[in-house]
C-alpha atoms as a PDB file:
ATOM      1  CA  MET A   1     -22.231 -10.632  -3.393  1.00  0.00           C
ATOM      2  CA  ALA A   2     -25.296  -9.781  -5.885  1.00  0.00           C
ATOM      3  CA  THR A   3     -28.559  -8.750  -4.913  1.00  0.00           C
ATOM      4  CA  GLU A   4     -32.487  -7.477  -6.251  1.00  0.00           C
ATOM      5  CA  GLN A   5     -33.196  -4.019  -6.236  1.00  0.00           C
ATOM      6  CA  HIS A   6     -35.639  -3.024  -8.822  1.00  0.00           C
ATOM      7  CA  GLY A   7     -35.288  -5.599 -10.907  1.00  0.00           C
ATOM      8  CA  GLU A   8     -31.722  -5.440 -10.764  1.00  0.00           C
ATOM      9  CA  ALA A   9     -28.889  -6.992  -9.102  1.00  0.00           C
ATOM     10  CA  VAL A  10     -27.280  -5.264  -6.871  1.00  0.00           C
ATOM     11  CA  ARG A  11     -23.178  -5.220  -5.863  1.00  0.00           C
ATOM     12  CA  THR A  12     -22.240  -5.436  -2.635  1.00  0.00           C
ATOM     13  CA  SER A  13     -18.703  -4.403  -1.488  1.00  0.00           C
ATOM     14  CA  PRO A  14     -15.466  -6.969  -1.942  1.00  0.00           C
ATOM     15  CA  ALA A  15     -15.070  -6.142   1.941  1.00  0.00           C
ATOM     16  CA  LYS A  16     -16.341  -9.956   3.201  1.00  0.00           C
ATOM     17  CA  TRP A  17     -18.457  -8.102   6.888  1.00  0.00           C
ATOM     18  CA  VAL A  18     -19.681  -5.049   4.727  1.00  0.00           C
ATOM     19  CA  ALA A  19     -21.197  -7.197   2.305  1.00  0.00           C
ATOM     20  CA  GLU A  20     -22.266 -10.072   4.735  1.00  0.00           C
ATOM     21  CA  GLN A  21     -23.265  -6.827   7.456  1.00  0.00           C
ATOM     22  CA  ALA A  22     -25.537  -5.026   4.079  1.00  0.00           C
ATOM     23  CA  GLU A  23     -26.795  -9.043   3.307  1.00  0.00           C
ATOM     24  CA  LEU A  24     -28.202  -9.209   7.085  1.00  0.00           C
ATOM     25  CA  TYR A  25     -29.711  -5.721   7.210  1.00  0.00           C
ATOM     26  CA  GLU A  26     -31.515  -6.505   3.271  1.00  0.00           C
ATOM     27  CA  SER A  27     -32.409 -10.046   3.682  1.00  0.00           C
ATOM     28  CA  SER A  28     -33.964  -9.219   7.587  1.00  0.00           C
ATOM     29  CA  GLY A  29     -36.303  -5.967   6.077  1.00  0.00           C
ATOM     30  CA  GLY A  30     -33.823  -3.505   8.005  1.00  0.00           C
ATOM     31  CA  THR A  31     -34.580  -5.651  11.570  1.00  0.00           C
ATOM     32  CA  LYS A  32     -30.952  -6.840  11.750  1.00  0.00           C
ATOM     33  CA  GLY A  33     -27.673  -5.972  11.272  1.00  0.00           C
ATOM     34  CA  THR A  34     -28.664  -2.528  11.831  1.00  0.00           C
ATOM     35  CA  THR A  35     -25.621  -1.344  13.787  1.00  0.00           C
ATOM     36  CA  GLN A  36     -21.752  -1.519  14.478  1.00  0.00           C
ATOM     37  CA  LEU A  37     -19.697  -0.969  17.292  1.00  0.00           C
ATOM     38  CA  GLY A  38     -22.989   0.200  18.921  1.00  0.00           C
ATOM     39  CA  VAL A  39     -23.730   2.741  16.378  1.00  0.00           C
ATOM     40  CA  PRO A  40     -26.520   2.834  13.549  1.00  0.00           C
ATOM     41  CA  CYS A  41     -25.578   2.072  10.176  1.00  0.00           C
ATOM     42  CA  LEU A  42     -27.569   2.446   7.373  1.00  0.00           C
ATOM     43  CA  LEU A  43     -27.814   0.838   3.402  1.00  0.00           C
ATOM     44  CA  LEU A  44     -26.901   2.908   1.014  1.00  0.00           C
ATOM     45  CA  ASP A  45     -27.160   2.208  -2.935  1.00  0.00           C
ATOM     46  CA  TYR A  46     -25.281   4.168  -5.378  1.00  0.00           C
ATOM     47  CA  VAL A  47     -24.622   3.616  -9.178  1.00  0.00           C
ATOM     48  CA  GLY A  48     -21.060   2.959  -9.937  1.00  0.00           C
ATOM     49  CA  ARG A  49     -19.562   5.714 -12.120  1.00  0.00           C
ATOM     50  CA  ARG A  50     -17.667   3.222 -14.302  1.00  0.00           C
ATOM     51  CA  SER A  51     -19.582   0.226 -14.527  1.00  0.00           C
ATOM     52  CA  GLY A  52     -23.095   1.531 -14.116  1.00  0.00           C
ATOM     53  CA  ALA A  53     -23.619  -0.432 -11.775  1.00  0.00           C
ATOM     54  CA  VAL A  54     -25.800  -0.545  -8.137  1.00  0.00           C
ATOM     55  CA  ARG A  55     -23.315  -0.940  -5.727  1.00  0.00           C
ATOM     56  CA  ARG A  56     -23.842  -1.471  -1.972  1.00  0.00           C
ATOM     57  CA  THR A  57     -22.526  -0.059   1.033  1.00  0.00           C
ATOM     58  CA  VAL A  58     -23.231   0.103   5.021  1.00  0.00           C
ATOM     59  CA  LEU A  59     -22.309   3.072   6.726  1.00  0.00           C
ATOM     60  CA  MET A  60     -22.209   4.580  10.479  1.00  0.00           C
ATOM     61  CA  TYR A  61     -24.720   8.060  10.154  1.00  0.00           C
ATOM     62  CA  GLY A  62     -25.893  11.075  12.315  1.00  0.00           C
ATOM     63  CA  ARG A  63     -28.508  12.919  11.619  1.00  0.00           C
ATOM     64  CA  ASP A  64     -29.222  16.688  10.467  1.00  0.00           C
ATOM     65  CA  GLY A  65     -32.929  17.460  11.574  1.00  0.00           C
ATOM     66  CA  ASP A  66     -35.233  15.312   9.136  1.00  0.00           C
ATOM     67  CA  ASP A  67     -31.819  14.318   6.633  1.00  0.00           C
ATOM     68  CA  TYR A  68     -28.852  12.101   6.819  1.00  0.00           C
ATOM     69  CA  LEU A  69     -25.212  12.473   7.232  1.00  0.00           C
ATOM     70  CA  ILE A  70     -22.051   9.935   6.589  1.00  0.00           C
ATOM     71  CA  VAL A  71     -18.535  10.718   6.543  1.00  0.00           C
ATOM     72  CA  GLY A  72     -16.136   9.684   3.550  1.00  0.00           C
ATOM     73  CA  SER A  73     -13.199   8.619   6.744  1.00  0.00           C
ATOM     74  CA  ASN A  74     -12.432   5.818   5.100  1.00  0.00           C
ATOM     75  CA  GLY A  75     -11.194   5.179   8.011  1.00  0.00           C
ATOM     76  CA  GLY A  76      -8.645   8.072   8.083  1.00  0.00           C
ATOM     77  CA  SER A  77      -6.710   7.519   5.498  1.00  0.00           C
ATOM     78  CA  ASP A  78      -5.110   9.866   2.375  1.00  0.00           C
ATOM     79  CA  SER A  79      -7.828   8.792   0.248  1.00  0.00           C
ATOM     80  CA  HIS A  80     -11.672   8.738  -0.215  1.00  0.00           C
ATOM     81  CA  PRO A  81     -13.996   5.576  -0.210  1.00  0.00           C
ATOM     82  CA  LEU A  82     -14.751   4.491  -3.575  1.00  0.00           C
ATOM     83  CA  TRP A  83     -18.618   5.051  -2.795  1.00  0.00           C
ATOM     84  CA  TYR A  84     -17.558   8.560  -2.483  1.00  0.00           C
ATOM     85  CA  LEU A  85     -16.255   9.551  -5.788  1.00  0.00           C
ATOM     86  CA  ASN A  86     -19.227   7.058  -6.547  1.00  0.00           C
ATOM     87  CA  LEU A  87     -22.165  10.100  -5.341  1.00  0.00           C
ATOM     88  CA  LEU A  88     -19.845  13.104  -7.126  1.00  0.00           C
ATOM     89  CA  ASP A  89     -20.844  11.454 -10.387  1.00  0.00           C
ATOM     90  CA  GLY A  90     -24.413  10.482  -9.913  1.00  0.00           C
ATOM     91  CA  PRO A  91     -25.503  11.842  -5.948  1.00  0.00           C
ATOM     92  CA  GLU A  92     -29.735  10.262  -7.008  1.00  0.00           C
ATOM     93  CA  VAL A  93     -29.015   7.263  -4.373  1.00  0.00           C
ATOM     94  CA  ASP A  94     -31.459   4.959  -2.681  1.00  0.00           C
ATOM     95  CA  VAL A  95     -31.579   4.691   1.366  1.00  0.00           C
ATOM     96  CA  ARG A  96     -31.967   2.161   3.899  1.00  0.00           C
ATOM     97  CA  VAL A  97     -32.358   2.993   7.275  1.00  0.00           C
ATOM     98  CA  GLY A  98     -34.210   0.606   9.285  1.00  0.00           C
ATOM     99  CA  THR A  99     -37.041  -0.867   7.959  1.00  0.00           C
ATOM    100  CA  GLU A 100     -37.855   1.909   5.695  1.00  0.00           C
ATOM    101  CA  ARG A 101     -36.160   2.685   2.391  1.00  0.00           C
ATOM    102  CA  PHE A 102     -36.233   6.084   0.013  1.00  0.00           C
ATOM    103  CA  PRO A 103     -35.128   7.892  -2.906  1.00  0.00           C
ATOM    104  CA  ALA A 104     -32.156  10.414  -1.947  1.00  0.00           C
ATOM    105  CA  LEU A 105     -29.772  12.636  -2.975  1.00  0.00           C
ATOM    106  CA  ALA A 106     -26.127  13.089  -1.869  1.00  0.00           C
ATOM    107  CA  GLU A 107     -24.995  16.826  -1.217  1.00  0.00           C
ATOM    108  CA  THR A 108     -21.022  16.874   0.091  1.00  0.00           C
ATOM    109  CA  LEU A 109     -21.395  19.428   2.752  1.00  0.00           C
ATOM    110  CA  SER A 110     -19.490  23.481   2.714  1.00  0.00           C
ATOM    111  CA  PRO A 111     -16.798  23.898   4.930  1.00  0.00           C
ATOM    112  CA  GLU A 112     -19.023  25.826   7.805  1.00  0.00           C
ATOM    113  CA  GLU A 113     -21.793  22.951   7.523  1.00  0.00           C
ATOM    114  CA  LYS A 114     -19.122  20.468   7.863  1.00  0.00           C
ATOM    115  CA  GLU A 115     -17.749  21.823  11.210  1.00  0.00           C
ATOM    116  CA  ARG A 116     -21.480  23.614  11.946  1.00  0.00           C
ATOM    117  CA  VAL A 117     -22.611  19.147  12.340  1.00  0.00           C
ATOM    118  CA  TRP A 118     -19.084  17.628  12.863  1.00  0.00           C
ATOM    119  CA  PRO A 119     -19.151  17.422  17.068  1.00  0.00           C
ATOM    120  CA  HIS A 120     -22.151  16.015  16.409  1.00  0.00           C
ATOM    121  CA  LEU A 121     -20.937  13.094  14.030  1.00  0.00           C
ATOM    122  CA  VAL A 122     -17.986  12.996  16.448  1.00  0.00           C
ATOM    123  CA  GLU A 123     -20.378  11.833  19.079  1.00  0.00           C
ATOM    124  CA  VAL A 124     -22.049   9.928  17.044  1.00  0.00           C
ATOM    125  CA  PHE A 125     -19.007   7.461  16.761  1.00  0.00           C
ATOM    126  CA  PRO A 126     -16.007   9.857  18.109  1.00  0.00           C
ATOM    127  CA  ARG A 127     -13.029   7.842  15.820  1.00  0.00           C
ATOM    128  CA  TYR A 128     -14.079  10.272  13.812  1.00  0.00           C
ATOM    129  CA  ALA A 129     -12.068  12.830  15.188  1.00  0.00           C
ATOM    130  CA  GLU A 130      -8.964   9.798  15.889  1.00  0.00           C
ATOM    131  CA  TYR A 131      -9.049   9.447  11.130  1.00  0.00           C
ATOM    132  CA  ARG A 132      -9.356  13.256  10.091  1.00  0.00           C
ATOM    133  CA  ALA A 133      -6.274  14.003  12.725  1.00  0.00           C
ATOM    134  CA  LYS A 134      -4.991  11.217  10.769  1.00  0.00           C
ATOM    135  CA  THR A 135      -4.733  12.197   7.429  1.00  0.00           C
ATOM    136  CA  SER A 136      -4.852  16.458   5.498  1.00  0.00           C
ATOM    137  CA  ARG A 137      -7.568  14.777   3.109  1.00  0.00           C
ATOM    138  CA  ASP A 138     -10.366  17.247   3.882  1.00  0.00           C
ATOM    139  CA  ILE A 139     -13.405  14.464   4.743  1.00  0.00           C
ATOM    140  CA  PRO A 140     -16.139  15.274   3.229  1.00  0.00           C
ATOM    141  CA  VAL A 141     -19.272  14.672   5.415  1.00  0.00           C
ATOM    142  CA  ILE A 142     -22.405  13.755   3.056  1.00  0.00           C
ATOM    143  CA  ARG A 143     -26.045  14.403   3.615  1.00  0.00           C
ATOM    144  CA  LEU A 144     -28.519  12.657   2.332  1.00  0.00           C
ATOM    145  CA  ARG A 145     -31.656  14.515   1.603  1.00  0.00           C
ATOM    146  CA  ARG A 146     -35.323  12.780   0.805  1.00  0.00           C
ATOM    147  CA  ARG A 147     -35.858  13.291  -3.146  1.00  0.00           C
END
């Protein structure tokens, strides 16, 4: 599914439920589709590291001051989510939280910062603790800071 942003097609996730939620979120101007399992969600637009295409996914988030925190849990799998690998190559992103859209810079937290915010993220979405326990992979936490 592709939508438009700044005149270019945006490719949403191939996962049907993610694409449907992203479409509802965007088409409603950020008034619908803003939660998943009762947890607040944002839309993250980023550039694919191989394709150069603008891609969109829906992610749960926590807060740290004015910044948004997203977790590269990938359901506790042993590999990073593809969106995270793309952020490593291209940290300049666009974010929609509710009705607001803004440019942001994505930064992986240091181990110390991650441990500081981890309890908050588990409070927001308790399954993060389960995901962390089931993988030997270091699950990254990413700060989205307005540009």
